[in-house]
Amino acid sequence: MMQKLKSSVSLCYELVPMDVEILRNVALFEGMTSAQLRKLAAVLKETKFPGSSHIFREGEAGGSMFIILEGKVRISKMVPGIGEEALAILERGQYFGEMSLIEEGPRSADAIAHTSCTLYELSREKLDEVMFTDKELASTLLWTFVRTLSSRLRETNDKIRAFFALSSFGPR
């Protein structure tokens, strides 16, 4: 099925049976059993994006996260007066957008296909269904989310601290 986005980029969505070994190598799913990984794999949707296309934009409503199967994804923010500031370039096996599974707030940054990429999309709705039927999976996954978000917050705090340290030595 093809879907047309506002930006006129055509995306291809496919439900594809997948090998759970791909998920086993994703840090978010470490410690899950093969049965739990199969449950997650059953609700993932494969999505392809051409290079330089937006996967989502900062401020948009979020309702899913993505796992990179092939290609690279750039996470960035627009800085007034400067332009795009790349926060990270993510590769195969990495994931992004997970905050939208935990809260219903807007996207905190842009996600752009740095190269053509194939992603697995996990919607909040599908994840809720799986977690409702497997409480052990839910507990494992939620604790992993907590550790991931805590780590990313710590990294952001370190970057802010470094920025202020550097700016205090600049011209006045």
C-alpha atoms as a PDB file:
ATOM      1  CA  MET A   1       0.000   0.000   0.000  1.00  0.00           C
ATOM      2  CA  MET A   2       1.366   3.446  -0.902  1.00  0.00           C
ATOM      3  CA  GLN A   3       0.695   6.501   1.203  1.00  0.00           C
ATOM      4  CA  LYS A   4       1.277  10.111   0.129  1.00  0.00           C
ATOM      5  CA  LEU A   5       2.623  12.523   2.753  1.00  0.00           C
ATOM      6  CA  LYS A   6       2.279  16.316   2.895  1.00  0.00           C
ATOM      7  CA  SER A   7       5.846  16.677   1.649  1.00  0.00           C
ATOM      8  CA  SER A   8       4.954  14.684  -1.509  1.00  0.00           C
ATOM      9  CA  VAL A   9       7.260  11.832  -0.570  1.00  0.00           C
ATOM     10  CA  SER A  10       5.820   8.421  -1.387  1.00  0.00           C
ATOM     11  CA  LEU A  11       6.421   5.771   1.218  1.00  0.00           C
ATOM     12  CA  CYS A  12       5.940   2.068   0.957  1.00  0.00           C
ATOM     13  CA  TYR A  13       4.431   0.242   3.929  1.00  0.00           C
ATOM     14  CA  GLU A  14       4.660  -3.515   4.079  1.00  0.00           C
ATOM     15  CA  LEU A  15       3.815  -6.065   6.706  1.00  0.00           C
ATOM     16  CA  VAL A  16       6.703  -8.491   6.399  1.00  0.00           C
ATOM     17  CA  PRO A  17       7.444 -11.598   8.433  1.00  0.00           C
ATOM     18  CA  MET A  18      10.787 -10.971  10.057  1.00  0.00           C
ATOM     19  CA  ASP A  19      13.580 -12.900  11.652  1.00  0.00           C
ATOM     20  CA  VAL A  20      13.559 -12.236  15.416  1.00  0.00           C
ATOM     21  CA  GLU A  21      17.376 -12.272  15.358  1.00  0.00           C
ATOM     22  CA  ILE A  22      17.227  -8.731  13.996  1.00  0.00           C
ATOM     23  CA  LEU A  23      15.297  -7.655  17.099  1.00  0.00           C
ATOM     24  CA  ARG A  24      17.576  -9.626  19.410  1.00  0.00           C
ATOM     25  CA  ASN A  25      20.422  -7.281  18.381  1.00  0.00           C
ATOM     26  CA  VAL A  26      18.451  -4.117  19.217  1.00  0.00           C
ATOM     27  CA  ALA A  27      19.509  -2.799  22.633  1.00  0.00           C
ATOM     28  CA  LEU A  28      15.906  -1.960  23.532  1.00  0.00           C
ATOM     29  CA  PHE A  29      14.930  -5.630  23.330  1.00  0.00           C
ATOM     30  CA  GLU A  30      17.903  -7.161  25.161  1.00  0.00           C
ATOM     31  CA  GLY A  31      16.895  -9.818  27.640  1.00  0.00           C
ATOM     32  CA  MET A  32      13.649 -10.732  25.906  1.00  0.00           C
ATOM     33  CA  THR A  33      12.807 -14.314  25.121  1.00  0.00           C
ATOM     34  CA  SER A  34      12.337 -15.587  21.568  1.00  0.00           C
ATOM     35  CA  ALA A  35       8.586 -15.844  22.215  1.00  0.00           C
ATOM     36  CA  GLN A  36       8.447 -12.197  23.321  1.00  0.00           C
ATOM     37  CA  LEU A  37      10.486 -11.106  20.303  1.00  0.00           C
ATOM     38  CA  ARG A  38       8.102 -13.001  18.006  1.00  0.00           C
ATOM     39  CA  LYS A  39       5.154 -11.130  19.579  1.00  0.00           C
ATOM     40  CA  LEU A  40       6.856  -7.813  18.881  1.00  0.00           C
ATOM     41  CA  ALA A  41       7.911  -8.845  15.367  1.00  0.00           C
ATOM     42  CA  ALA A  42       4.303  -9.684  14.545  1.00  0.00           C
ATOM     43  CA  VAL A  43       3.200  -6.060  15.068  1.00  0.00           C
ATOM     44  CA  LEU A  44       6.058  -4.253  13.306  1.00  0.00           C
ATOM     45  CA  LYS A  45       5.459  -2.529   9.990  1.00  0.00           C
ATOM     46  CA  GLU A  46       8.284  -2.191   7.460  1.00  0.00           C
ATOM     47  CA  THR A  47       8.625   1.298   6.015  1.00  0.00           C
ATOM     48  CA  LYS A  48      11.060   2.592   3.371  1.00  0.00           C
ATOM     49  CA  PHE A  49      12.220   6.203   3.071  1.00  0.00           C
ATOM     50  CA  PRO A  50      14.305   7.732   0.296  1.00  0.00           C
ATOM     51  CA  GLY A  51      17.427   9.664   1.322  1.00  0.00           C
ATOM     52  CA  SER A  52      16.860  13.232   2.599  1.00  0.00           C
ATOM     53  CA  SER A  53      13.141  12.655   3.318  1.00  0.00           C
ATOM     54  CA  HIS A  54      11.617  13.472   6.687  1.00  0.00           C
ATOM     55  CA  ILE A  55      10.456  10.514   8.745  1.00  0.00           C
ATOM     56  CA  PHE A  56       8.913  12.961  11.184  1.00  0.00           C
ATOM     57  CA  ARG A  57       9.318  16.608  12.135  1.00  0.00           C
ATOM     58  CA  GLU A  58       9.825  18.314  15.459  1.00  0.00           C
ATOM     59  CA  GLY A  59       6.485  19.372  16.917  1.00  0.00           C
ATOM     60  CA  GLU A  60       4.407  16.753  15.104  1.00  0.00           C
ATOM     61  CA  ALA A  61       2.258  14.403  17.121  1.00  0.00           C
ATOM     62  CA  GLY A  62       4.050  11.113  17.680  1.00  0.00           C
ATOM     63  CA  GLY A  63       2.547   7.684  17.971  1.00  0.00           C
ATOM     64  CA  SER A  64       5.300   5.278  17.001  1.00  0.00           C
ATOM     65  CA  MET A  65       8.975   4.475  17.252  1.00  0.00           C
ATOM     66  CA  PHE A  66      11.323   3.164  14.574  1.00  0.00           C
ATOM     67  CA  ILE A  67      14.078   0.554  14.388  1.00  0.00           C
ATOM     68  CA  ILE A  68      16.652   0.909  11.616  1.00  0.00           C
ATOM     69  CA  LEU A  69      16.969  -2.183   9.451  1.00  0.00           C
ATOM     70  CA  GLU A  70      19.047  -0.606   6.657  1.00  0.00           C
ATOM     71  CA  GLY A  71      20.507   2.838   6.043  1.00  0.00           C
ATOM     72  CA  LYS A  72      21.144   5.813   8.312  1.00  0.00           C
ATOM     73  CA  VAL A  73      18.834   8.284  10.047  1.00  0.00           C
ATOM     74  CA  ARG A  74      19.809  11.785  11.181  1.00  0.00           C
ATOM     75  CA  ILE A  75      18.194  13.198  14.305  1.00  0.00           C
ATOM     76  CA  SER A  76      18.374  16.988  14.267  1.00  0.00           C
ATOM     77  CA  LYS A  77      16.885  20.244  15.478  1.00  0.00           C
ATOM     78  CA  MET A  78      16.567  23.562  13.700  1.00  0.00           C
ATOM     79  CA  VAL A  79      18.486  26.278  15.557  1.00  0.00           C
ATOM     80  CA  PRO A  80      17.236  29.810  14.849  1.00  0.00           C
ATOM     81  CA  GLY A  81      19.850  31.850  13.029  1.00  0.00           C
ATOM     82  CA  ILE A  82      22.072  28.806  12.488  1.00  0.00           C
ATOM     83  CA  GLY A  83      20.045  26.135  10.727  1.00  0.00           C
ATOM     84  CA  GLU A  84      20.000  22.387  11.179  1.00  0.00           C
ATOM     85  CA  GLU A  85      22.011  20.985  14.087  1.00  0.00           C
ATOM     86  CA  ALA A  86      22.545  17.228  13.798  1.00  0.00           C
ATOM     87  CA  LEU A  87      22.221  15.581  17.202  1.00  0.00           C
ATOM     88  CA  ALA A  88      22.976  12.028  16.069  1.00  0.00           C
ATOM     89  CA  ILE A  89      23.392   9.805  13.027  1.00  0.00           C
ATOM     90  CA  LEU A  90      21.817   6.423  13.767  1.00  0.00           C
ATOM     91  CA  GLU A  91      22.546   3.159  11.959  1.00  0.00           C
ATOM     92  CA  ARG A  92      21.285  -0.416  11.623  1.00  0.00           C
ATOM     93  CA  GLY A  93      19.930  -1.846  14.867  1.00  0.00           C
ATOM     94  CA  GLN A  94      19.469   1.542  16.537  1.00  0.00           C
ATOM     95  CA  TYR A  95      16.063   3.011  17.332  1.00  0.00           C
ATOM     96  CA  PHE A  96      14.454   6.412  17.735  1.00  0.00           C
ATOM     97  CA  GLY A  97      11.091   8.003  18.472  1.00  0.00           C
ATOM     98  CA  GLU A  98      10.558   5.866  21.566  1.00  0.00           C
ATOM     99  CA  MET A  99       9.492   8.886  23.649  1.00  0.00           C
ATOM    100  CA  SER A 100       6.212   8.907  21.713  1.00  0.00           C
ATOM    101  CA  LEU A 101       5.412   5.429  23.039  1.00  0.00           C
ATOM    102  CA  ILE A 102       5.666   6.669  26.610  1.00  0.00           C
ATOM    103  CA  GLU A 103       4.074  10.100  26.364  1.00  0.00           C
ATOM    104  CA  GLU A 104       1.679  11.762  23.974  1.00  0.00           C
ATOM    105  CA  GLY A 105       3.697  14.960  23.553  1.00  0.00           C
ATOM    106  CA  PRO A 106       4.975  16.312  20.247  1.00  0.00           C
ATOM    107  CA  ARG A 107       8.155  15.014  18.599  1.00  0.00           C
ATOM    108  CA  SER A 108      11.227  16.620  20.188  1.00  0.00           C
ATOM    109  CA  ALA A 109      13.384  16.665  17.027  1.00  0.00           C
ATOM    110  CA  ASP A 110      13.367  15.960  13.310  1.00  0.00           C
ATOM    111  CA  ALA A 111      14.195  12.479  12.021  1.00  0.00           C
ATOM    112  CA  ILE A 112      15.538  12.556   8.474  1.00  0.00           C
ATOM    113  CA  ALA A 113      16.604   9.672   6.248  1.00  0.00           C
ATOM    114  CA  HIS A 114      20.341  10.443   6.001  1.00  0.00           C
ATOM    115  CA  THR A 115      20.523   7.737   3.318  1.00  0.00           C
ATOM    116  CA  SER A 116      17.769   5.632   1.806  1.00  0.00           C
ATOM    117  CA  CYS A 117      16.592   3.469   4.659  1.00  0.00           C
ATOM    118  CA  THR A 118      14.319   0.643   5.673  1.00  0.00           C
ATOM    119  CA  LEU A 119      12.751   0.924   9.105  1.00  0.00           C
ATOM    120  CA  TYR A 120      10.490  -1.152  11.281  1.00  0.00           C
ATOM    121  CA  GLU A 121       7.744   0.955  12.833  1.00  0.00           C
ATOM    122  CA  LEU A 122       6.170   0.056  16.167  1.00  0.00           C
ATOM    123  CA  SER A 123       2.985   1.993  16.944  1.00  0.00           C
ATOM    124  CA  ARG A 124       1.870   2.836  20.482  1.00  0.00           C
ATOM    125  CA  GLU A 125      -1.433   1.074  19.809  1.00  0.00           C
ATOM    126  CA  LYS A 126       0.244  -2.204  18.766  1.00  0.00           C
ATOM    127  CA  LEU A 127       2.769  -2.035  21.606  1.00  0.00           C
ATOM    128  CA  ASP A 128      -0.051  -1.522  24.126  1.00  0.00           C
ATOM    129  CA  GLU A 129      -1.791  -4.644  22.795  1.00  0.00           C
ATOM    130  CA  VAL A 130       1.363  -6.740  23.154  1.00  0.00           C
ATOM    131  CA  MET A 131       2.193  -5.386  26.620  1.00  0.00           C
ATOM    132  CA  PHE A 132      -1.362  -5.998  27.819  1.00  0.00           C
ATOM    133  CA  THR A 133      -1.072  -9.694  26.925  1.00  0.00           C
ATOM    134  CA  ASP A 134       2.471 -10.197  28.300  1.00  0.00           C
ATOM    135  CA  LYS A 135       3.157  -8.426  31.604  1.00  0.00           C
ATOM    136  CA  GLU A 136       6.730  -9.761  31.822  1.00  0.00           C
ATOM    137  CA  LEU A 137       7.498  -8.311  28.383  1.00  0.00           C
ATOM    138  CA  ALA A 138       5.915  -5.031  29.482  1.00  0.00           C
ATOM    139  CA  SER A 139       8.068  -4.841  32.612  1.00  0.00           C
ATOM    140  CA  THR A 140      11.295  -5.651  30.754  1.00  0.00           C
ATOM    141  CA  LEU A 141      10.545  -3.149  28.005  1.00  0.00           C
ATOM    142  CA  LEU A 142       9.492  -0.330  30.311  1.00  0.00           C
ATOM    143  CA  TRP A 143      12.640  -0.658  32.417  1.00  0.00           C
ATOM    144  CA  THR A 144      14.726  -0.571  29.251  1.00  0.00           C
ATOM    145  CA  PHE A 145      12.874   2.595  28.188  1.00  0.00           C
ATOM    146  CA  VAL A 146      13.638   4.159  31.566  1.00  0.00           C
ATOM    147  CA  ARG A 147      17.359   3.339  31.270  1.00  0.00           C
ATOM    148  CA  THR A 148      17.493   4.630  27.680  1.00  0.00           C
ATOM    149  CA  LEU A 149      15.743   7.900  28.456  1.00  0.00           C
ATOM    150  CA  SER A 150      17.847   8.406  31.579  1.00  0.00           C
ATOM    151  CA  SER A 151      21.043   7.870  29.585  1.00  0.00           C
ATOM    152  CA  ARG A 152      19.934  10.287  26.862  1.00  0.00           C
ATOM    153  CA  LEU A 153      18.987  12.902  29.448  1.00  0.00           C
ATOM    154  CA  ARG A 154      22.415  12.542  31.065  1.00  0.00           C
ATOM    155  CA  GLU A 155      24.111  12.994  27.653  1.00  0.00           C
ATOM    156  CA  THR A 156      22.011  16.087  26.969  1.00  0.00           C
ATOM    157  CA  ASN A 157      22.895  17.548  30.370  1.00  0.00           C
ATOM    158  CA  ASP A 158      26.600  16.935  29.664  1.00  0.00           C
ATOM    159  CA  LYS A 159      26.304  18.692  26.287  1.00  0.00           C
ATOM    160  CA  ILE A 160      24.554  21.670  27.882  1.00  0.00           C
ATOM    161  CA  ARG A 161      27.190  21.831  30.614  1.00  0.00           C
ATOM    162  CA  ALA A 162      29.978  21.756  27.986  1.00  0.00           C
ATOM    163  CA  PHE A 163      28.218  24.440  25.930  1.00  0.00           C
ATOM    164  CA  PHE A 164      27.972  26.782  28.913  1.00  0.00           C
ATOM    165  CA  ALA A 165      31.576  26.073  29.907  1.00  0.00           C
ATOM    166  CA  LEU A 166      32.761  26.950  26.386  1.00  0.00           C
ATOM    167  CA  SER A 167      30.559  30.020  26.120  1.00  0.00           C
ATOM    168  CA  SER A 168      31.922  31.461  29.382  1.00  0.00           C
ATOM    169  CA  PHE A 169      35.415  31.588  27.813  1.00  0.00           C
ATOM    170  CA  GLY A 170      34.278  33.304  24.614  1.00  0.00           C
ATOM    171  CA  PRO A 171      34.526  37.042  23.794  1.00  0.00           C
ATOM    172  CA  ARG A 172      32.409  39.371  25.867  1.00  0.00           C
END
